[in-house]
Protein backbone atom coordinates (compact mmCIF):
# COMPACT_ATOMS: atom_id res chain seq x y z
CA UNK A 1 0.00 0.00 0.00
CA UNK A 2 2.98 2.31 -0.38
CA UNK A 3 2.10 5.74 -1.75
CA UNK A 4 3.44 9.25 -1.36
CA UNK A 5 -0.14 10.51 -1.27
CA UNK A 6 -0.92 8.33 1.76
CA UNK A 7 1.73 10.05 3.86
CA UNK A 8 0.26 13.42 2.92
CA UNK A 9 -3.26 12.16 3.72
CA UNK A 10 -2.18 10.96 7.17
CA UNK A 11 -0.57 14.33 7.83
CA UNK A 12 -3.75 16.18 6.83
CA UNK A 13 -5.89 13.92 9.04
CA UNK A 14 -3.64 14.72 12.01
CA UNK A 15 -3.59 18.48 11.45
CA UNK A 16 -7.04 19.37 10.10
CA UNK A 17 -10.67 18.39 10.39
CA UNK A 18 -12.49 17.19 7.29
CA UNK A 19 -14.67 20.31 7.38
CA UNK A 20 -11.59 22.54 7.32
CA UNK A 21 -10.34 20.80 4.18
CA UNK A 22 -13.79 20.89 2.56
CA UNK A 23 -13.99 24.62 3.22
CA UNK A 24 -10.52 25.15 1.72
CA UNK A 25 -11.61 23.26 -1.41
CA UNK A 26 -14.84 25.24 -1.69
CA UNK A 27 -17.06 22.25 -0.86
CA UNK A 28 -20.15 23.07 1.24
CA UNK A 29 -19.91 21.76 4.80
CA UNK A 30 -23.68 21.42 5.06
CA UNK A 31 -23.72 18.83 2.27
CA UNK A 32 -22.21 15.39 1.69
CA UNK A 33 -19.53 15.50 -1.01
CA UNK A 34 -19.87 12.54 -3.37
CA UNK A 35 -16.96 11.73 -5.70
CA UNK A 36 -17.99 10.05 -8.96
CA UNK A 37 -15.25 7.57 -9.86
CA UNK A 38 -11.69 8.80 -9.34
CA UNK A 39 -10.46 9.85 -12.79
CA UNK A 40 -11.72 11.37 -16.03
CA UNK A 41 -12.12 8.04 -17.83
CA UNK A 42 -15.56 7.23 -19.18
CA UNK A 43 -15.45 3.77 -17.54
CA UNK A 44 -16.51 5.57 -14.34
CA UNK A 45 -19.92 6.22 -15.91
CA UNK A 46 -20.09 9.86 -14.79
CA UNK A 47 -22.99 10.78 -17.07
CA UNK A 48 -25.09 7.77 -16.09
CA UNK A 49 -24.51 8.43 -12.39
CA UNK A 50 -25.30 12.15 -12.74
CA UNK A 51 -28.51 11.18 -14.53
CA UNK A 52 -29.31 8.95 -11.55
CA UNK A 53 -28.93 11.91 -9.20
CA UNK A 54 -31.03 14.10 -11.50
CA UNK A 55 -33.81 11.51 -11.25
CA UNK A 56 -33.66 11.82 -7.44
CA UNK A 57 -34.17 15.53 -6.71
CA UNK A 58 -34.97 14.72 -3.08
CA UNK A 59 -31.21 14.33 -2.48
CA UNK A 60 -30.08 17.64 -3.95
CA UNK A 61 -30.23 19.54 -0.64
CA UNK A 62 -27.96 16.92 0.95
CA UNK A 63 -25.47 16.06 -1.80
CA UNK A 64 -22.61 17.98 -3.46
CA UNK A 65 -21.22 16.20 -6.53
CA UNK A 66 -17.49 16.03 -7.33
CA UNK A 67 -15.90 14.98 -10.63
CA UNK A 68 -12.10 14.84 -11.02
CA UNK A 69 -11.66 15.02 -14.78
CA UNK A 70 -7.88 14.99 -15.07
CA UNK A 71 -6.13 11.65 -15.65
CA UNK A 72 -7.45 9.83 -18.71
CA UNK A 73 -9.95 12.55 -19.60
CA UNK A 74 -10.90 13.24 -23.22
CA UNK A 75 -11.95 16.92 -23.76
CA UNK A 76 -15.22 16.05 -25.48
CA UNK A 77 -16.20 13.70 -22.65
CA UNK A 78 -15.24 16.31 -20.02
CA UNK A 79 -17.56 18.81 -21.72
CA UNK A 80 -20.39 16.28 -21.72
CA UNK A 81 -19.92 15.55 -18.01
CA UNK A 82 -19.79 19.26 -17.19
CA UNK A 83 -23.00 19.83 -19.16
CA UNK A 84 -24.68 17.00 -17.25
CA UNK A 85 -23.55 18.48 -13.92
CA UNK A 86 -24.78 21.97 -14.83
CA UNK A 87 -28.21 20.57 -15.67
CA UNK A 88 -28.43 18.11 -12.77
CA UNK A 89 -29.98 20.51 -10.26
CA UNK A 90 -27.19 19.65 -7.82
CA UNK A 91 -24.33 21.77 -6.53
CA UNK A 92 -21.05 20.44 -7.87
CA UNK A 93 -17.30 20.86 -8.19
CA UNK A 94 -15.22 19.78 -11.17
CA UNK A 95 -11.44 19.50 -11.29
CA UNK A 96 -10.09 19.38 -14.83
CA UNK A 97 -7.25 20.06 -17.18
CA UNK A 98 -4.11 19.89 -15.07
CA UNK A 99 -1.75 17.59 -13.20
CA UNK A 100 -2.51 17.20 -9.50
CA UNK A 101 0.23 17.23 -6.87
CA UNK A 102 0.25 14.74 -3.98
CA UNK A 103 -1.05 17.48 -1.69
CA UNK A 104 -3.92 18.34 -4.04
CA UNK A 105 -4.85 14.66 -4.36
CA UNK A 106 -4.69 14.20 -0.59
CA UNK A 107 -6.98 17.19 0.03
CA UNK A 108 -9.52 15.93 -2.50
CA UNK A 109 -9.49 12.46 -0.92
CA UNK A 110 -9.90 13.84 2.60
CA UNK A 111 -12.54 16.34 1.49
CA UNK A 112 -14.67 13.57 -0.04
CA UNK A 113 -17.38 12.04 2.15
CA UNK A 114 -18.50 9.29 -0.23
CA UNK A 115 -16.67 7.73 -3.18
CA UNK A 116 -19.11 6.22 -5.66
CA UNK A 117 -17.21 3.59 -7.62
CA UNK A 118 -19.56 2.09 -10.19
CA UNK A 119 -17.07 1.73 -13.03
CA UNK A 120 -17.74 -0.78 -15.78
CA UNK A 121 -14.44 -2.43 -14.78
CA UNK A 122 -11.55 -1.58 -12.46
CA UNK A 123 -8.80 -3.05 -10.32
CA UNK A 124 -8.31 -2.32 -6.63
CA UNK A 125 -6.18 0.70 -7.42
CA UNK A 126 -4.00 3.03 -5.37
CA UNK A 127 -6.68 5.69 -5.80
CA UNK A 128 -9.23 3.49 -4.00
CA UNK A 129 -6.74 2.87 -1.18
CA UNK A 130 -6.20 6.64 -0.88
CA UNK A 131 -9.95 7.20 -0.59
CA UNK A 132 -10.28 4.51 2.07
CA UNK A 133 -7.34 5.77 4.11
CA UNK A 134 -8.75 9.30 3.97
CA UNK A 135 -11.94 8.01 5.57
CA UNK A 136 -14.11 8.29 2.48
CA UNK A 137 -17.11 5.97 2.50
CA UNK A 138 -16.76 3.67 -0.51
CA UNK A 139 -19.81 2.41 -2.37
CA UNK A 140 -18.61 -0.05 -5.01
CA UNK A 141 -20.23 -2.21 -7.65
CA UNK A 142 -20.11 -5.90 -6.73
CA UNK A 143 -19.06 -6.68 -10.31
CA UNK A 144 -15.67 -5.06 -9.55
CA UNK A 145 -14.61 -7.97 -7.32
CA UNK A 146 -13.12 -5.81 -4.58
CA UNK A 147 -14.21 -8.16 -1.81
CA UNK A 148 -11.02 -10.22 -1.46
CA UNK A 149 -8.71 -7.19 -1.40
CA UNK A 150 -10.96 -5.40 1.10
CA UNK A 151 -10.70 -8.39 3.42
CA UNK A 152 -6.97 -8.85 2.87
CA UNK A 153 -6.24 -5.20 3.69
CA UNK A 154 -8.83 -5.08 6.50
CA UNK A 155 -10.89 -2.32 4.88
CA UNK A 156 -14.65 -1.87 5.05
CA UNK A 157 -16.94 -0.66 2.27
CA UNK A 158 -20.52 -0.78 1.01
CA UNK A 159 -21.21 -3.22 -1.87
CA UNK A 160 -23.95 -2.33 -4.36
CA UNK A 161 -25.31 -4.84 -6.85
CA UNK A 162 -26.82 -2.17 -9.13
CA UNK A 163 -27.16 1.58 -9.61
CA UNK A 164 -30.51 1.42 -7.83
CA UNK A 165 -28.85 -0.30 -4.88
CA UNK A 166 -26.07 2.31 -4.80
CA UNK A 167 -28.56 5.19 -4.67
CA UNK A 168 -30.49 3.42 -1.92
CA UNK A 169 -27.25 3.24 0.08
CA UNK A 170 -26.54 6.93 -0.52
CA UNK A 171 -29.98 7.73 0.87
CA UNK A 172 -29.30 5.60 3.96
CA UNK A 173 -25.81 7.01 4.51
CA UNK A 174 -26.99 10.59 4.10
CA UNK A 175 -29.09 10.14 7.23
CA UNK A 176 -26.02 9.39 9.37
CA UNK A 177 -22.65 9.96 7.71
CA UNK A 178 -20.67 9.81 10.95
CA UNK A 179 -21.94 6.32 11.80
CA UNK A 180 -21.09 5.13 8.28
CA UNK A 181 -17.60 6.67 8.17
CA UNK A 182 -15.21 4.02 6.96
CA UNK A 183 -11.53 3.82 7.91
CA UNK A 184 -8.73 1.35 7.35
CA UNK A 185 -8.51 -0.64 10.56
CA UNK A 186 -4.80 -1.27 10.03
CA UNK A 187 -3.54 1.87 8.35
CA UNK A 188 -5.67 4.77 9.61
CA UNK A 189 -5.77 6.37 13.00
CA UNK A 190 -9.51 6.15 13.72
CA UNK A 191 -11.21 2.86 12.78
CA UNK A 192 -14.99 2.89 12.69
CA UNK A 193 -16.67 2.18 16.02
CA UNK A 194 -20.09 1.59 14.47
CA UNK A 195 -20.60 -0.82 11.58
CA UNK A 196 -23.90 -0.55 9.66
CA UNK A 197 -25.31 -3.89 8.58
CA UNK A 198 -24.58 -3.35 4.88
CA UNK A 199 -20.83 -2.86 5.36
CA UNK A 200 -18.64 -5.77 4.33
CA UNK A 201 -16.61 -7.51 7.02
C-alpha atoms as a PDB file:
ATOM      1  CA  UNK A   1       0.000   0.000   0.000  1.00  0.00           C
ATOM      2  CA  UNK A   2       2.976   2.314  -0.378  1.00  0.00           C
ATOM      3  CA  UNK A   3       2.103   5.744  -1.752  1.00  0.00           C
ATOM      4  CA  UNK A   4       3.444   9.250  -1.364  1.00  0.00           C
ATOM      5  CA  UNK A   5      -0.139  10.510  -1.267  1.00  0.00           C
ATOM      6  CA  UNK A   6      -0.925   8.328   1.757  1.00  0.00           C
ATOM      7  CA  UNK A   7       1.733  10.047   3.864  1.00  0.00           C
ATOM      8  CA  UNK A   8       0.261  13.422   2.921  1.00  0.00           C
ATOM      9  CA  UNK A   9      -3.261  12.163   3.716  1.00  0.00           C
ATOM     10  CA  UNK A  10      -2.177  10.956   7.174  1.00  0.00           C
ATOM     11  CA  UNK A  11      -0.568  14.334   7.825  1.00  0.00           C
ATOM     12  CA  UNK A  12      -3.755  16.179   6.833  1.00  0.00           C
ATOM     13  CA  UNK A  13      -5.887  13.924   9.038  1.00  0.00           C
ATOM     14  CA  UNK A  14      -3.642  14.715  12.010  1.00  0.00           C
ATOM     15  CA  UNK A  15      -3.591  18.479  11.445  1.00  0.00           C
ATOM     16  CA  UNK A  16      -7.037  19.367  10.097  1.00  0.00           C
ATOM     17  CA  UNK A  17     -10.667  18.391  10.386  1.00  0.00           C
ATOM     18  CA  UNK A  18     -12.493  17.186   7.293  1.00  0.00           C
ATOM     19  CA  UNK A  19     -14.671  20.306   7.382  1.00  0.00           C
ATOM     20  CA  UNK A  20     -11.591  22.545   7.317  1.00  0.00           C
ATOM     21  CA  UNK A  21     -10.343  20.798   4.181  1.00  0.00           C
ATOM     22  CA  UNK A  22     -13.790  20.885   2.557  1.00  0.00           C
ATOM     23  CA  UNK A  23     -13.994  24.621   3.217  1.00  0.00           C
ATOM     24  CA  UNK A  24     -10.523  25.148   1.716  1.00  0.00           C
ATOM     25  CA  UNK A  25     -11.610  23.255  -1.407  1.00  0.00           C
ATOM     26  CA  UNK A  26     -14.838  25.239  -1.693  1.00  0.00           C
ATOM     27  CA  UNK A  27     -17.061  22.246  -0.858  1.00  0.00           C
ATOM     28  CA  UNK A  28     -20.155  23.074   1.236  1.00  0.00           C
ATOM     29  CA  UNK A  29     -19.912  21.764   4.795  1.00  0.00           C
ATOM     30  CA  UNK A  30     -23.682  21.425   5.060  1.00  0.00           C
ATOM     31  CA  UNK A  31     -23.715  18.828   2.268  1.00  0.00           C
ATOM     32  CA  UNK A  32     -22.207  15.392   1.686  1.00  0.00           C
ATOM     33  CA  UNK A  33     -19.532  15.500  -1.013  1.00  0.00           C
ATOM     34  CA  UNK A  34     -19.869  12.536  -3.375  1.00  0.00           C
ATOM     35  CA  UNK A  35     -16.962  11.730  -5.700  1.00  0.00           C
ATOM     36  CA  UNK A  36     -17.995  10.049  -8.960  1.00  0.00           C
ATOM     37  CA  UNK A  37     -15.252   7.574  -9.855  1.00  0.00           C
ATOM     38  CA  UNK A  38     -11.689   8.804  -9.335  1.00  0.00           C
ATOM     39  CA  UNK A  39     -10.465   9.853 -12.789  1.00  0.00           C
ATOM     40  CA  UNK A  40     -11.721  11.367 -16.034  1.00  0.00           C
ATOM     41  CA  UNK A  41     -12.122   8.041 -17.833  1.00  0.00           C
ATOM     42  CA  UNK A  42     -15.562   7.226 -19.185  1.00  0.00           C
ATOM     43  CA  UNK A  43     -15.454   3.771 -17.536  1.00  0.00           C
ATOM     44  CA  UNK A  44     -16.508   5.570 -14.336  1.00  0.00           C
ATOM     45  CA  UNK A  45     -19.924   6.225 -15.913  1.00  0.00           C
ATOM     46  CA  UNK A  46     -20.093   9.857 -14.793  1.00  0.00           C
ATOM     47  CA  UNK A  47     -22.993  10.778 -17.073  1.00  0.00           C
ATOM     48  CA  UNK A  48     -25.089   7.770 -16.093  1.00  0.00           C
ATOM     49  CA  UNK A  49     -24.511   8.432 -12.389  1.00  0.00           C
ATOM     50  CA  UNK A  50     -25.297  12.146 -12.736  1.00  0.00           C
ATOM     51  CA  UNK A  51     -28.510  11.176 -14.533  1.00  0.00           C
ATOM     52  CA  UNK A  52     -29.313   8.951 -11.550  1.00  0.00           C
ATOM     53  CA  UNK A  53     -28.933  11.906  -9.196  1.00  0.00           C
ATOM     54  CA  UNK A  54     -31.032  14.103 -11.500  1.00  0.00           C
ATOM     55  CA  UNK A  55     -33.814  11.513 -11.245  1.00  0.00           C
ATOM     56  CA  UNK A  56     -33.659  11.815  -7.437  1.00  0.00           C
ATOM     57  CA  UNK A  57     -34.166  15.528  -6.708  1.00  0.00           C
ATOM     58  CA  UNK A  58     -34.969  14.716  -3.081  1.00  0.00           C
ATOM     59  CA  UNK A  59     -31.212  14.331  -2.478  1.00  0.00           C
ATOM     60  CA  UNK A  60     -30.080  17.643  -3.952  1.00  0.00           C
ATOM     61  CA  UNK A  61     -30.232  19.537  -0.639  1.00  0.00           C
ATOM     62  CA  UNK A  62     -27.959  16.922   0.951  1.00  0.00           C
ATOM     63  CA  UNK A  63     -25.466  16.065  -1.800  1.00  0.00           C
ATOM     64  CA  UNK A  64     -22.609  17.981  -3.464  1.00  0.00           C
ATOM     65  CA  UNK A  65     -21.216  16.195  -6.533  1.00  0.00           C
ATOM     66  CA  UNK A  66     -17.495  16.028  -7.330  1.00  0.00           C
ATOM     67  CA  UNK A  67     -15.902  14.978 -10.635  1.00  0.00           C
ATOM     68  CA  UNK A  68     -12.105  14.845 -11.018  1.00  0.00           C
ATOM     69  CA  UNK A  69     -11.656  15.019 -14.777  1.00  0.00           C
ATOM     70  CA  UNK A  70      -7.881  14.992 -15.073  1.00  0.00           C
ATOM     71  CA  UNK A  71      -6.130  11.655 -15.650  1.00  0.00           C
ATOM     72  CA  UNK A  72      -7.452   9.830 -18.711  1.00  0.00           C
ATOM     73  CA  UNK A  73      -9.947  12.552 -19.596  1.00  0.00           C
ATOM     74  CA  UNK A  74     -10.904  13.244 -23.218  1.00  0.00           C
ATOM     75  CA  UNK A  75     -11.948  16.918 -23.761  1.00  0.00           C
ATOM     76  CA  UNK A  76     -15.221  16.046 -25.481  1.00  0.00           C
ATOM     77  CA  UNK A  77     -16.198  13.701 -22.650  1.00  0.00           C
ATOM     78  CA  UNK A  78     -15.236  16.306 -20.019  1.00  0.00           C
ATOM     79  CA  UNK A  79     -17.556  18.808 -21.720  1.00  0.00           C
ATOM     80  CA  UNK A  80     -20.390  16.276 -21.720  1.00  0.00           C
ATOM     81  CA  UNK A  81     -19.920  15.552 -18.011  1.00  0.00           C
ATOM     82  CA  UNK A  82     -19.795  19.262 -17.192  1.00  0.00           C
ATOM     83  CA  UNK A  83     -23.001  19.833 -19.160  1.00  0.00           C
ATOM     84  CA  UNK A  84     -24.681  17.004 -17.246  1.00  0.00           C
ATOM     85  CA  UNK A  85     -23.552  18.477 -13.921  1.00  0.00           C
ATOM     86  CA  UNK A  86     -24.785  21.965 -14.828  1.00  0.00           C
ATOM     87  CA  UNK A  87     -28.207  20.569 -15.672  1.00  0.00           C
ATOM     88  CA  UNK A  88     -28.432  18.109 -12.770  1.00  0.00           C
ATOM     89  CA  UNK A  89     -29.981  20.506 -10.259  1.00  0.00           C
ATOM     90  CA  UNK A  90     -27.189  19.654  -7.816  1.00  0.00           C
ATOM     91  CA  UNK A  91     -24.330  21.771  -6.529  1.00  0.00           C
ATOM     92  CA  UNK A  92     -21.048  20.437  -7.869  1.00  0.00           C
ATOM     93  CA  UNK A  93     -17.296  20.864  -8.192  1.00  0.00           C
ATOM     94  CA  UNK A  94     -15.220  19.778 -11.168  1.00  0.00           C
ATOM     95  CA  UNK A  95     -11.439  19.500 -11.293  1.00  0.00           C
ATOM     96  CA  UNK A  96     -10.090  19.381 -14.825  1.00  0.00           C
ATOM     97  CA  UNK A  97      -7.253  20.058 -17.183  1.00  0.00           C
ATOM     98  CA  UNK A  98      -4.110  19.888 -15.072  1.00  0.00           C
ATOM     99  CA  UNK A  99      -1.746  17.595 -13.198  1.00  0.00           C
ATOM    100  CA  UNK A 100      -2.510  17.202  -9.500  1.00  0.00           C
ATOM    101  CA  UNK A 101       0.227  17.228  -6.870  1.00  0.00           C
ATOM    102  CA  UNK A 102       0.254  14.741  -3.978  1.00  0.00           C
ATOM    103  CA  UNK A 103      -1.047  17.480  -1.692  1.00  0.00           C
ATOM    104  CA  UNK A 104      -3.920  18.340  -4.036  1.00  0.00           C
ATOM    105  CA  UNK A 105      -4.850  14.660  -4.363  1.00  0.00           C
ATOM    106  CA  UNK A 106      -4.689  14.200  -0.592  1.00  0.00           C
ATOM    107  CA  UNK A 107      -6.977  17.194   0.032  1.00  0.00           C
ATOM    108  CA  UNK A 108      -9.515  15.929  -2.505  1.00  0.00           C
ATOM    109  CA  UNK A 109      -9.492  12.462  -0.921  1.00  0.00           C
ATOM    110  CA  UNK A 110      -9.899  13.839   2.598  1.00  0.00           C
ATOM    111  CA  UNK A 111     -12.545  16.342   1.486  1.00  0.00           C
ATOM    112  CA  UNK A 112     -14.673  13.572  -0.039  1.00  0.00           C
ATOM    113  CA  UNK A 113     -17.381  12.041   2.153  1.00  0.00           C
ATOM    114  CA  UNK A 114     -18.505   9.287  -0.233  1.00  0.00           C
ATOM    115  CA  UNK A 115     -16.670   7.733  -3.177  1.00  0.00           C
ATOM    116  CA  UNK A 116     -19.114   6.220  -5.657  1.00  0.00           C
ATOM    117  CA  UNK A 117     -17.211   3.589  -7.617  1.00  0.00           C
ATOM    118  CA  UNK A 118     -19.557   2.086 -10.193  1.00  0.00           C
ATOM    119  CA  UNK A 119     -17.068   1.729 -13.034  1.00  0.00           C
ATOM    120  CA  UNK A 120     -17.738  -0.777 -15.777  1.00  0.00           C
ATOM    121  CA  UNK A 121     -14.443  -2.431 -14.778  1.00  0.00           C
ATOM    122  CA  UNK A 122     -11.554  -1.581 -12.465  1.00  0.00           C
ATOM    123  CA  UNK A 123      -8.804  -3.049 -10.323  1.00  0.00           C
ATOM    124  CA  UNK A 124      -8.310  -2.324  -6.626  1.00  0.00           C
ATOM    125  CA  UNK A 125      -6.180   0.699  -7.422  1.00  0.00           C
ATOM    126  CA  UNK A 126      -4.003   3.025  -5.369  1.00  0.00           C
ATOM    127  CA  UNK A 127      -6.685   5.695  -5.803  1.00  0.00           C
ATOM    128  CA  UNK A 128      -9.230   3.492  -3.996  1.00  0.00           C
ATOM    129  CA  UNK A 129      -6.740   2.870  -1.179  1.00  0.00           C
ATOM    130  CA  UNK A 130      -6.196   6.635  -0.879  1.00  0.00           C
ATOM    131  CA  UNK A 131      -9.951   7.198  -0.588  1.00  0.00           C
ATOM    132  CA  UNK A 132     -10.278   4.507   2.069  1.00  0.00           C
ATOM    133  CA  UNK A 133      -7.344   5.768   4.107  1.00  0.00           C
ATOM    134  CA  UNK A 134      -8.748   9.304   3.972  1.00  0.00           C
ATOM    135  CA  UNK A 135     -11.941   8.009   5.573  1.00  0.00           C
ATOM    136  CA  UNK A 136     -14.106   8.294   2.477  1.00  0.00           C
ATOM    137  CA  UNK A 137     -17.114   5.973   2.500  1.00  0.00           C
ATOM    138  CA  UNK A 138     -16.763   3.672  -0.507  1.00  0.00           C
ATOM    139  CA  UNK A 139     -19.808   2.410  -2.369  1.00  0.00           C
ATOM    140  CA  UNK A 140     -18.609  -0.046  -5.009  1.00  0.00           C
ATOM    141  CA  UNK A 141     -20.225  -2.213  -7.649  1.00  0.00           C
ATOM    142  CA  UNK A 142     -20.112  -5.896  -6.725  1.00  0.00           C
ATOM    143  CA  UNK A 143     -19.056  -6.681 -10.308  1.00  0.00           C
ATOM    144  CA  UNK A 144     -15.670  -5.064  -9.553  1.00  0.00           C
ATOM    145  CA  UNK A 145     -14.612  -7.972  -7.321  1.00  0.00           C
ATOM    146  CA  UNK A 146     -13.123  -5.807  -4.575  1.00  0.00           C
ATOM    147  CA  UNK A 147     -14.209  -8.163  -1.812  1.00  0.00           C
ATOM    148  CA  UNK A 148     -11.016 -10.215  -1.460  1.00  0.00           C
ATOM    149  CA  UNK A 149      -8.711  -7.187  -1.397  1.00  0.00           C
ATOM    150  CA  UNK A 150     -10.959  -5.399   1.101  1.00  0.00           C
ATOM    151  CA  UNK A 151     -10.704  -8.391   3.419  1.00  0.00           C
ATOM    152  CA  UNK A 152      -6.971  -8.849   2.870  1.00  0.00           C
ATOM    153  CA  UNK A 153      -6.237  -5.197   3.687  1.00  0.00           C
ATOM    154  CA  UNK A 154      -8.834  -5.078   6.500  1.00  0.00           C
ATOM    155  CA  UNK A 155     -10.894  -2.317   4.881  1.00  0.00           C
ATOM    156  CA  UNK A 156     -14.651  -1.870   5.047  1.00  0.00           C
ATOM    157  CA  UNK A 157     -16.940  -0.656   2.270  1.00  0.00           C
ATOM    158  CA  UNK A 158     -20.522  -0.782   1.009  1.00  0.00           C
ATOM    159  CA  UNK A 159     -21.209  -3.221  -1.867  1.00  0.00           C
ATOM    160  CA  UNK A 160     -23.954  -2.325  -4.363  1.00  0.00           C
ATOM    161  CA  UNK A 161     -25.311  -4.842  -6.851  1.00  0.00           C
ATOM    162  CA  UNK A 162     -26.820  -2.167  -9.126  1.00  0.00           C
ATOM    163  CA  UNK A 163     -27.158   1.584  -9.614  1.00  0.00           C
ATOM    164  CA  UNK A 164     -30.513   1.424  -7.832  1.00  0.00           C
ATOM    165  CA  UNK A 165     -28.851  -0.304  -4.877  1.00  0.00           C
ATOM    166  CA  UNK A 166     -26.074   2.312  -4.805  1.00  0.00           C
ATOM    167  CA  UNK A 167     -28.558   5.195  -4.667  1.00  0.00           C
ATOM    168  CA  UNK A 168     -30.488   3.421  -1.921  1.00  0.00           C
ATOM    169  CA  UNK A 169     -27.251   3.237   0.082  1.00  0.00           C
ATOM    170  CA  UNK A 170     -26.542   6.930  -0.522  1.00  0.00           C
ATOM    171  CA  UNK A 171     -29.983   7.728   0.868  1.00  0.00           C
ATOM    172  CA  UNK A 172     -29.298   5.604   3.958  1.00  0.00           C
ATOM    173  CA  UNK A 173     -25.813   7.011   4.513  1.00  0.00           C
ATOM    174  CA  UNK A 174     -26.987  10.588   4.097  1.00  0.00           C
ATOM    175  CA  UNK A 175     -29.089  10.138   7.231  1.00  0.00           C
ATOM    176  CA  UNK A 176     -26.020   9.393   9.369  1.00  0.00           C
ATOM    177  CA  UNK A 177     -22.649   9.964   7.715  1.00  0.00           C
ATOM    178  CA  UNK A 178     -20.672   9.814  10.947  1.00  0.00           C
ATOM    179  CA  UNK A 179     -21.945   6.317  11.800  1.00  0.00           C
ATOM    180  CA  UNK A 180     -21.086   5.134   8.281  1.00  0.00           C
ATOM    181  CA  UNK A 181     -17.596   6.673   8.173  1.00  0.00           C
ATOM    182  CA  UNK A 182     -15.207   4.019   6.965  1.00  0.00           C
ATOM    183  CA  UNK A 183     -11.532   3.815   7.912  1.00  0.00           C
ATOM    184  CA  UNK A 184      -8.731   1.350   7.354  1.00  0.00           C
ATOM    185  CA  UNK A 185      -8.507  -0.645  10.559  1.00  0.00           C
ATOM    186  CA  UNK A 186      -4.804  -1.266  10.030  1.00  0.00           C
ATOM    187  CA  UNK A 187      -3.536   1.866   8.354  1.00  0.00           C
ATOM    188  CA  UNK A 188      -5.666   4.765   9.610  1.00  0.00           C
ATOM    189  CA  UNK A 189      -5.769   6.371  13.004  1.00  0.00           C
ATOM    190  CA  UNK A 190      -9.511   6.152  13.721  1.00  0.00           C
ATOM    191  CA  UNK A 191     -11.215   2.861  12.780  1.00  0.00           C
ATOM    192  CA  UNK A 192     -14.994   2.885  12.694  1.00  0.00           C
ATOM    193  CA  UNK A 193     -16.667   2.183  16.016  1.00  0.00           C
ATOM    194  CA  UNK A 194     -20.090   1.588  14.473  1.00  0.00           C
ATOM    195  CA  UNK A 195     -20.595  -0.824  11.577  1.00  0.00           C
ATOM    196  CA  UNK A 196     -23.904  -0.547   9.657  1.00  0.00           C
ATOM    197  CA  UNK A 197     -25.311  -3.888   8.575  1.00  0.00           C
ATOM    198  CA  UNK A 198     -24.578  -3.351   4.882  1.00  0.00           C
ATOM    199  CA  UNK A 199     -20.831  -2.865   5.362  1.00  0.00           C
ATOM    200  CA  UNK A 200     -18.641  -5.775   4.329  1.00  0.00           C
ATOM    201  CA  UNK A 201     -16.612  -7.506   7.023  1.00  0.00           C
END
